[in-house]
Protein backbone atom coordinates (compact mmCIF):
# COMPACT_ATOMS: atom_id res chain seq x y z
CA MET A 1 20.47 20.75 8.26
CA PRO A 2 20.19 17.14 9.52
CA GLN A 3 19.80 14.46 6.90
CA VAL A 4 16.12 14.49 5.92
CA ALA A 5 14.31 13.00 2.94
CA GLU A 6 11.22 14.23 1.13
CA ILE A 7 9.07 12.25 -1.29
CA ILE A 8 7.73 14.11 -4.35
CA CYS A 9 5.27 12.27 -6.59
CA VAL A 10 4.65 13.78 -10.02
CA GLY A 11 1.50 13.11 -12.02
CA THR A 12 -1.83 14.81 -12.66
CA GLU A 13 -3.46 11.37 -12.52
CA LEU A 14 -2.50 11.20 -8.84
CA LEU A 15 -4.15 14.54 -8.11
CA LEU A 16 -7.31 13.42 -9.88
CA GLY A 17 -7.42 10.19 -7.90
CA ASP A 18 -7.25 8.04 -11.02
CA ILE A 19 -4.25 6.16 -9.60
CA LEU A 20 -3.64 5.13 -6.00
CA ASN A 21 -0.34 6.58 -4.77
CA SER A 22 1.18 3.31 -3.57
CA ASN A 23 4.69 4.55 -4.43
CA ALA A 24 4.66 7.06 -1.58
CA GLN A 25 3.61 4.36 0.87
CA PHE A 26 6.39 2.04 -0.32
CA LEU A 27 9.08 4.72 -0.14
CA ALA A 28 7.95 5.88 3.29
CA GLN A 29 8.19 2.34 4.63
CA GLU A 30 11.62 1.87 3.04
CA LEU A 31 12.96 5.12 4.45
CA ALA A 32 11.79 4.08 7.91
CA LYS A 33 13.63 0.76 7.57
CA LEU A 34 16.82 2.65 6.70
CA GLY A 35 16.41 5.06 9.60
CA ILE A 36 16.29 8.08 7.27
CA ALA A 37 14.17 10.94 8.64
CA HIS A 38 11.17 11.81 6.48
CA TYR A 39 8.76 14.61 7.41
CA TYR A 40 6.98 15.68 4.21
CA GLN A 41 5.44 14.25 1.06
CA SER A 42 4.23 16.23 -1.93
CA VAL A 43 2.07 15.40 -4.95
CA VAL A 44 2.25 17.74 -7.92
CA GLY A 45 0.71 17.63 -11.38
CA ASP A 46 2.52 17.59 -14.71
CA ASN A 47 3.21 21.31 -14.70
CA PRO A 48 6.78 22.71 -14.86
CA GLU A 49 6.12 25.84 -12.83
CA ARG A 50 4.45 23.97 -9.99
CA ILE A 51 7.10 21.24 -10.00
CA ILE A 52 9.78 23.93 -9.62
CA GLN A 53 7.86 25.49 -6.72
CA VAL A 54 7.68 22.12 -4.97
CA VAL A 55 11.41 21.51 -5.54
CA ARG A 56 12.39 24.89 -4.09
CA THR A 57 10.21 24.35 -1.05
CA ALA A 58 11.60 20.86 -0.52
CA CYS A 59 15.19 22.12 -0.74
CA ASP A 60 14.52 24.39 2.26
CA ARG A 61 13.54 21.48 4.52
CA ALA A 62 15.19 18.34 3.10
CA ASN A 63 18.45 17.32 1.49
CA LEU A 64 17.36 14.03 -0.11
CA LEU A 65 14.60 14.54 -2.69
CA ILE A 66 13.01 11.36 -4.01
CA PHE A 67 10.87 11.73 -7.14
CA THR A 68 8.48 9.26 -8.73
CA GLY A 69 6.72 9.72 -12.06
CA GLY A 70 7.18 11.88 -15.10
CA LEU A 71 10.03 9.92 -16.72
CA GLY A 72 8.17 8.47 -19.69
CA PRO A 73 8.33 9.37 -23.41
CA THR A 74 5.12 11.42 -23.67
CA PRO A 75 4.88 15.25 -23.64
CA ASP A 76 3.51 15.34 -20.08
CA ASP A 77 6.59 13.49 -18.73
CA LEU A 78 8.53 16.51 -17.51
CA THR A 79 10.47 15.57 -14.40
CA HIS A 80 14.04 15.48 -15.72
CA ALA A 81 13.66 18.51 -17.99
CA THR A 82 12.06 20.52 -15.19
CA LEU A 83 14.77 19.56 -12.68
CA ALA A 84 17.44 20.63 -15.15
CA ALA A 85 15.71 23.98 -15.63
CA CYS A 86 15.24 24.43 -11.89
CA PHE A 87 18.97 24.12 -11.22
CA GLY A 88 20.07 25.93 -14.39
CA VAL A 89 21.75 23.12 -16.31
CA GLY A 90 21.18 21.57 -19.70
CA LEU A 91 20.09 18.09 -20.73
CA VAL A 92 22.64 15.59 -22.02
CA GLU A 93 21.82 12.62 -24.21
CA HIS A 94 23.24 9.29 -23.04
CA PRO A 95 23.93 6.91 -25.95
CA GLU A 96 24.06 3.88 -23.62
CA ILE A 97 20.50 4.59 -22.52
CA LEU A 98 19.32 4.80 -26.13
CA GLU A 99 20.96 1.48 -26.90
CA ASP A 100 19.39 -0.10 -23.82
CA ILE A 101 15.93 1.13 -24.84
CA ARG A 102 16.38 -0.19 -28.41
CA ARG A 103 17.48 -3.56 -27.07
CA LYS A 104 14.48 -3.85 -24.75
CA PHE A 105 12.08 -3.00 -27.58
CA ALA A 106 13.77 -5.55 -29.85
CA GLU A 107 13.46 -8.27 -27.20
CA ARG A 108 9.71 -7.70 -27.26
CA GLY A 109 9.58 -7.77 -31.06
CA ARG A 110 8.95 -4.04 -31.33
CA GLU A 111 10.73 -1.04 -32.76
CA MET A 112 11.61 1.95 -30.58
CA THR A 113 9.53 5.01 -31.43
CA PRO A 114 11.21 8.44 -31.78
CA ASN A 115 9.62 9.82 -28.61
CA ASN A 116 11.51 7.27 -26.50
CA ARG A 117 14.69 9.19 -27.34
CA LYS A 118 13.52 11.73 -24.76
CA GLN A 119 14.19 9.20 -21.98
CA ALA A 120 17.92 9.30 -22.74
CA LEU A 121 18.08 13.04 -21.92
CA LEU A 122 19.26 13.56 -18.35
CA PRO A 123 20.35 16.69 -16.45
CA GLU A 124 24.01 17.53 -16.94
CA GLY A 125 26.12 15.95 -14.18
CA ALA A 126 23.53 13.34 -13.19
CA GLN A 127 24.39 9.66 -12.86
CA VAL A 128 22.11 7.05 -14.36
CA LEU A 129 19.91 5.15 -11.91
CA THR A 130 19.46 2.01 -13.99
CA ASN A 131 16.08 0.47 -14.68
CA SER A 132 16.40 -3.19 -15.59
CA GLY A 133 12.66 -3.69 -15.88
CA GLY A 134 11.56 -0.74 -18.03
CA SER A 135 12.64 1.86 -20.55
CA ALA A 136 12.76 4.88 -18.22
CA PRO A 137 16.00 5.31 -16.26
CA GLY A 138 16.19 7.47 -13.16
CA ILE A 139 18.99 9.69 -11.93
CA ILE A 140 21.25 10.08 -8.92
CA TRP A 141 22.22 13.73 -8.89
CA GLN A 142 23.73 16.33 -6.59
CA PRO A 143 22.84 19.65 -8.19
CA ARG A 144 24.08 21.38 -5.02
CA PRO A 145 26.44 20.13 -2.30
CA ASP A 146 23.58 20.01 0.18
CA VAL A 147 20.95 18.37 -2.08
CA THR A 148 20.78 14.83 -3.48
CA ILE A 149 18.05 13.90 -5.96
CA LEU A 150 16.86 10.41 -6.86
CA THR A 151 14.23 9.91 -9.56
CA PHE A 152 12.17 6.84 -10.35
CA PRO A 153 9.44 5.99 -12.88
CA GLY A 154 5.89 5.86 -11.62
CA VAL A 155 5.45 2.15 -12.41
CA PRO A 156 5.48 0.55 -8.92
CA ALA A 157 7.26 -2.66 -9.93
CA GLU A 158 10.07 -0.74 -11.64
CA LEU A 159 10.41 1.63 -8.70
CA LYS A 160 10.77 -1.25 -6.23
CA TYR A 161 13.49 -3.01 -8.23
CA MET A 162 15.42 0.21 -8.78
CA TRP A 163 15.13 1.20 -5.14
CA ARG A 164 16.34 -2.09 -3.73
CA ASP A 165 18.96 -2.91 -6.37
CA VAL A 166 20.50 0.52 -6.97
CA ALA A 167 19.25 3.25 -4.64
CA VAL A 168 19.65 1.48 -1.29
CA PRO A 169 23.26 0.41 -1.98
CA TYR A 170 24.02 3.99 -3.07
CA LEU A 171 22.47 5.47 0.09
CA ARG A 172 24.41 3.09 2.29
CA GLN A 173 27.68 3.87 0.53
CA ALA A 174 26.99 7.60 0.67
CA GLY A 175 26.53 7.49 4.44
CA TRP A 176 22.80 8.11 4.57
CA VAL A 177 22.08 4.94 6.51
CA GLN A 178 23.37 5.26 10.08
CA GLN A 179 20.71 3.35 11.99
CA THR A 180 17.87 1.00 11.17
CA VAL A 181 14.21 1.21 12.07
CA TYR A 182 12.68 -2.24 12.27
CA SER A 183 8.97 -2.81 12.79
CA ARG A 184 6.81 -5.73 13.82
CA LEU A 185 3.09 -5.55 13.00
CA LEU A 186 0.72 -7.48 15.26
CA ARG A 187 -2.72 -8.19 13.76
CA PHE A 188 -6.00 -8.48 15.69
CA TRP A 189 -9.56 -9.50 14.87
CA GLY A 190 -12.62 -9.58 17.08
CA ILE A 191 -11.64 -6.64 19.25
CA THR A 192 -12.20 -2.92 18.62
CA GLU A 193 -9.37 -0.42 18.39
CA SER A 194 -10.61 1.39 21.49
CA ALA A 195 -10.86 -1.80 23.54
CA LEU A 196 -7.37 -2.91 22.51
CA ALA A 197 -5.94 0.57 23.15
CA THR A 198 -7.39 0.51 26.67
CA LYS A 199 -5.72 -2.82 27.40
CA VAL A 200 -2.28 -1.76 26.18
CA GLN A 201 -2.39 1.97 26.98
CA PRO A 202 0.89 2.06 29.00
CA PHE A 203 2.84 0.80 25.99
CA PHE A 204 1.97 3.93 23.98
CA ASP A 205 4.31 5.94 26.23
CA LEU A 206 7.39 3.94 25.25
CA GLN A 207 10.10 5.82 23.37
CA ASN A 208 12.18 3.01 21.85
CA PRO A 209 10.56 0.77 20.87
CA THR A 210 7.36 2.66 20.13
CA VAL A 211 3.90 1.11 19.95
CA ALA A 212 1.15 2.62 17.77
CA PRO A 213 -2.39 1.38 16.99
CA TYR A 214 -4.05 1.32 13.55
CA ALA A 215 -7.45 0.15 12.34
CA ASN A 216 -8.61 -0.68 8.83
CA LEU A 217 -11.48 -2.73 7.36
CA GLY A 218 -12.40 -4.23 10.71
CA GLU A 219 -8.86 -5.23 11.57
CA VAL A 220 -6.83 -3.64 14.37
CA LYS A 221 -3.03 -3.52 14.28
CA LEU A 222 -0.26 -2.64 16.67
CA ARG A 223 3.02 -1.58 15.10
CA ILE A 224 6.09 -2.01 17.32
CA SER A 225 9.06 -0.06 15.94
CA ALA A 226 12.61 0.13 17.25
CA LEU A 227 15.60 2.25 16.24
CA ALA A 228 18.99 0.57 16.56
CA GLU A 229 22.35 0.16 14.88
CA SER A 230 21.20 -3.05 13.15
CA GLU A 231 18.05 -5.00 12.40
CA THR A 232 19.15 -7.71 14.84
CA ALA A 233 19.58 -5.16 17.63
CA ALA A 234 16.16 -3.65 16.85
CA GLN A 235 14.53 -7.08 16.96
CA ALA A 236 16.05 -7.65 20.38
CA LEU A 237 14.42 -4.45 21.63
CA ILE A 238 11.06 -5.43 20.17
CA ALA A 239 10.92 -9.05 21.35
CA PRO A 240 10.06 -8.49 25.06
CA ILE A 241 7.47 -5.84 24.22
CA GLU A 242 5.85 -8.13 21.67
CA GLN A 243 5.68 -10.94 24.21
CA GLN A 244 3.98 -8.73 26.77
CA LEU A 245 1.43 -7.52 24.22
CA LEU A 246 0.66 -11.07 23.14
CA GLU A 247 0.07 -12.12 26.74
CA ILE A 248 -2.38 -9.25 27.20
CA ALA A 249 -4.19 -9.76 23.88
CA GLY A 250 -4.52 -13.55 23.98
CA THR A 251 -6.38 -15.05 21.03
CA ASP A 252 -7.52 -11.63 19.80
CA CYS A 253 -4.10 -11.45 18.12
CA TYR A 254 -4.29 -13.76 15.13
CA GLY A 255 -0.88 -13.15 13.53
CA ALA A 256 1.87 -10.74 12.58
CA ASP A 257 3.36 -8.94 9.59
CA ASP A 258 2.17 -10.63 6.36
CA ASP A 259 -0.20 -13.08 8.03
CA SER A 260 -3.87 -13.04 7.07
CA LEU A 261 -6.82 -14.72 8.72
CA ALA A 262 -6.98 -17.13 5.78
CA SER A 263 -3.30 -18.02 5.97
CA VAL A 264 -3.42 -18.57 9.73
CA VAL A 265 -6.53 -20.74 9.48
CA GLY A 266 -4.81 -22.71 6.73
CA GLN A 267 -1.76 -23.32 8.91
CA LEU A 268 -3.93 -24.54 11.79
CA LEU A 269 -5.90 -26.89 9.53
CA GLN A 270 -2.79 -28.19 7.83
CA ALA A 271 -0.99 -28.85 11.09
CA VAL A 272 -3.43 -31.60 12.00
CA GLY A 273 -4.56 -32.76 8.58
CA ALA A 274 -8.03 -31.22 8.92
CA THR A 275 -10.16 -30.19 5.93
CA LEU A 276 -12.73 -27.47 5.33
CA ALA A 277 -15.75 -26.79 3.15
CA VAL A 278 -17.80 -23.59 3.07
CA ALA A 279 -21.39 -22.62 2.31
CA GLU A 280 -21.97 -18.98 1.43
CA SER A 281 -25.03 -16.89 0.83
CA CYS A 282 -24.50 -13.12 1.17
CA THR A 283 -20.72 -13.29 0.57
CA GLY A 284 -21.21 -14.96 -2.81
CA GLY A 285 -17.88 -16.78 -2.88
CA GLY A 286 -15.83 -14.17 -1.06
CA LEU A 287 -14.90 -16.57 1.74
CA GLY A 288 -13.75 -19.19 -0.73
CA ALA A 289 -11.73 -16.57 -2.61
CA MET A 290 -9.88 -15.63 0.59
CA LEU A 291 -9.07 -19.27 1.28
CA THR A 292 -7.91 -20.11 -2.23
CA ALA A 293 -5.72 -16.98 -2.38
CA ILE A 294 -3.30 -18.88 -0.12
CA ALA A 295 -0.79 -21.05 -1.97
CA GLY A 296 -1.22 -24.71 -1.07
CA SER A 297 -4.77 -24.30 0.19
CA SER A 298 -5.91 -27.28 -1.90
CA SER A 299 -4.40 -29.52 0.79
CA TYR A 300 -7.08 -28.49 3.30
CA PHE A 301 -9.82 -26.55 1.47
CA TRP A 302 -11.99 -28.89 -0.54
CA GLY A 303 -14.58 -26.52 -1.94
CA GLY A 304 -17.82 -24.73 -1.28
CA VAL A 305 -21.41 -24.04 -2.25
CA ILE A 306 -22.73 -20.57 -3.07
CA SER A 307 -26.30 -21.08 -1.89
CA TYR A 308 -27.67 -17.69 -2.82
CA ASP A 309 -31.19 -18.91 -3.51
CA ASN A 310 -33.18 -20.82 -0.92
CA SER A 311 -33.70 -23.68 -3.38
CA VAL A 312 -29.95 -24.29 -3.32
CA LYS A 313 -29.93 -24.23 0.46
CA VAL A 314 -32.63 -26.90 0.48
CA GLY A 315 -31.56 -28.97 -2.52
CA LEU A 316 -27.78 -29.05 -2.08
CA LEU A 317 -27.25 -28.36 1.62
CA GLY A 318 -30.28 -30.09 3.12
CA VAL A 319 -31.69 -27.05 4.91
CA ASN A 320 -35.17 -27.80 6.27
CA PRO A 321 -37.74 -25.79 4.27
CA ASP A 322 -39.96 -25.53 7.34
CA ASP A 323 -37.11 -23.77 9.20
CA LEU A 324 -36.64 -21.43 6.25
CA ALA A 325 -40.32 -20.58 6.38
CA GLN A 326 -40.39 -20.13 10.15
CA PHE A 327 -37.04 -18.42 10.84
CA GLY A 328 -36.01 -17.05 7.44
CA ALA A 329 -32.78 -17.59 5.51
CA VAL A 330 -30.90 -15.24 7.83
CA SER A 331 -31.13 -17.10 11.11
CA HIS A 332 -29.31 -19.40 13.51
CA PRO A 333 -31.04 -22.62 12.34
CA VAL A 334 -30.30 -22.00 8.67
CA ALA A 335 -26.67 -21.03 9.29
CA GLN A 336 -26.18 -24.20 11.33
CA GLN A 337 -27.82 -26.43 8.74
CA MET A 338 -25.80 -24.85 5.93
CA ALA A 339 -22.56 -25.57 7.80
CA ALA A 340 -23.58 -29.14 8.64
CA GLY A 341 -24.86 -29.70 5.11
CA VAL A 342 -21.71 -28.63 3.29
CA ARG A 343 -19.56 -30.61 5.74
CA ASP A 344 -21.65 -33.71 5.07
CA ARG A 345 -21.79 -33.28 1.28
CA LEU A 346 -18.04 -32.68 0.89
CA GLN A 347 -17.03 -35.05 3.71
CA THR A 348 -14.68 -32.57 5.42
CA THR A 349 -13.58 -32.12 9.02
CA TRP A 350 -15.19 -28.70 9.26
CA GLY A 351 -18.10 -26.93 7.59
CA LEU A 352 -18.32 -23.12 7.74
CA SER A 353 -21.31 -21.07 6.60
CA ILE A 354 -22.40 -17.47 6.14
CA THR A 355 -25.90 -16.13 5.66
CA GLY A 356 -26.86 -12.48 6.06
CA ILE A 357 -28.27 -9.25 4.68
CA ALA A 358 -25.54 -7.29 2.88
CA GLY A 359 -27.86 -4.54 1.65
CA PRO A 360 -28.46 -1.88 0.69
CA ALA A 361 -32.01 -3.26 0.45
CA GLY A 362 -33.63 -6.27 2.09
CA GLY A 363 -33.46 -5.18 5.71
CA SER A 364 -36.26 -4.71 8.23
CA ASP A 365 -36.67 -3.56 11.80
CA GLU A 366 -36.40 -7.15 12.97
CA LYS A 367 -33.57 -8.06 10.59
CA PRO A 368 -31.62 -4.95 9.59
CA VAL A 369 -28.99 -4.64 6.90
CA GLY A 370 -25.73 -5.95 8.31
CA LEU A 371 -27.30 -8.82 10.25
CA VAL A 372 -25.19 -11.93 9.60
CA TYR A 373 -25.13 -15.47 10.98
CA ILE A 374 -22.03 -17.63 10.79
CA GLY A 375 -22.36 -21.36 11.27
CA LEU A 376 -19.66 -23.89 12.13
CA ALA A 377 -19.97 -27.67 12.04
CA GLY A 378 -17.43 -30.21 13.25
CA LYS A 379 -17.02 -33.22 15.50
CA MET A 380 -18.06 -31.05 18.44
CA GLY A 381 -21.45 -30.52 16.82
CA VAL A 382 -22.90 -27.41 15.23
CA THR A 383 -22.90 -23.83 16.46
CA SER A 384 -23.63 -20.36 15.09
CA VAL A 385 -22.90 -16.77 16.00
CA GLU A 386 -24.92 -13.63 15.25
CA TYR A 387 -23.21 -10.43 14.08
CA ARG A 388 -24.67 -6.99 13.49
CA PHE A 389 -22.24 -5.09 11.27
CA GLY A 390 -24.60 -2.28 10.31
CA GLY A 391 -25.22 -1.18 6.75
CA GLY A 392 -23.89 2.35 6.87
CA ARG A 393 -20.61 1.54 5.15
CA GLY A 394 -22.12 -0.32 2.24
CA ARG A 395 -22.54 -3.80 0.86
CA ASP A 396 -18.84 -4.58 0.35
CA TRP A 397 -18.13 -3.69 3.98
CA VAL A 398 -20.70 -6.20 5.27
CA ARG A 399 -19.44 -8.92 2.94
CA HIS A 400 -15.80 -8.36 3.89
CA LEU A 401 -16.49 -8.39 7.63
CA SER A 402 -18.64 -11.49 7.23
CA ALA A 403 -15.93 -13.49 5.48
CA CYS A 404 -13.20 -12.37 7.90
CA SER A 405 -15.37 -13.02 10.94
CA ALA A 406 -16.17 -16.51 9.66
CA LEU A 407 -12.46 -17.26 9.39
CA ASP A 408 -11.94 -15.83 12.85
CA GLN A 409 -14.65 -18.04 14.33
CA LEU A 410 -13.02 -21.11 12.85
CA ARG A 411 -9.58 -19.92 14.02
CA ARG A 412 -10.76 -19.56 17.62
CA HIS A 413 -12.35 -23.01 17.59
CA LEU A 414 -9.19 -24.53 16.16
CA LEU A 415 -7.09 -22.88 18.84
CA SER A 416 -9.48 -23.95 21.58
CA ALA A 417 -9.37 -27.54 20.39
CA LYS A 418 -5.59 -27.41 19.95
CA PHE A 419 -5.10 -26.53 23.61
CA SER A 420 -7.77 -28.88 24.94
CA SER A 421 -6.97 -32.26 26.48
CA SER A 422 -5.93 -35.11 24.23
CA SER A 423 -9.12 -37.03 25.11
CA ASP A 424 -11.30 -34.26 23.65
CA ASP A 425 -12.67 -35.42 20.30
CA ARG A 426 -13.56 -31.93 19.08
CA TYR A 427 -10.42 -31.89 16.99
CA PRO A 428 -9.39 -34.70 14.64
């Protein structure tokens, strides 16, 4: 059998949907980086018989079994005991684990409870996979010559430390890592997945690197992945493909990897010493939250006004009450006056506004749920854009798309001004 890994997540809470299974996502991404084949994932509840069934099935199709969950001190934490039973060995108490658990409790001013002793019981022949951040150690175990088992606690932070600090060095030393898969994620806003896929269709036929599209929460992504003997070699394969995709996509591509619309806008503002203020109605502070989530944003984001009621639009932002009466709060004139008003009140380079109908109520035939206006004020004057997001996906969907689209509008204006002639006063 070729070297293949399988991820097995243990926990009834995962089956019930009480906890998001982020551990499987993390491990899948890490296996891809290491170039380790991975074809199946399983989720099983805290039941010994079913865990054994999953293990036996996995052993028929994989030789690296990676477990998360079920290593705690409570009665439903059964992973190590069940694995020992599955392969017909006993459990052995490790005094060094007990001492480590006692020490960690003492450092927190607590006394170890008797049930924590269970965490020191590991299958006979298993090595300890140390956990510097928690009380539950994992194991590195070869119960059969053709099967290697790694176990991790379900706590995501502990899993990540143990994986990177202990498991990855072990896998490299044991010969599991022969090649590396490196990926570059290009991020797009303002273009649909189908439209982008049409533009870059020929790239989907590539074998190495590969290009694959994804879409989530209004954002479209292209993942470029390459298999090579090193990360540097993989990057060299990806670079020309990335350049071609960027040339095709133009400004629809706003960033890559860990970039966000807020972080990219912040970089553009910061590069020229520009400042920003926002006025929000239907997003209720969501746009400001995105901006302030970026470290260092205080250097360019000065603040905002949540003008939910029309009296705030008039009193704080200077919106003309006659325009409110004639056009309504959700309209081009009001969005433009909100943007100009917050820019004037906070004395910033740019003012950005959002007004819309997030739903589920409040819509009409003329102004349906999901209708949003985004205003932008700067040295070039004031402009606004109408969006119709639809209300079928709920209130949070409309609010999220509104905030992201506002950032995208500002981003595109900043880029346009950046590449304009030096005599153009649209950009400070």
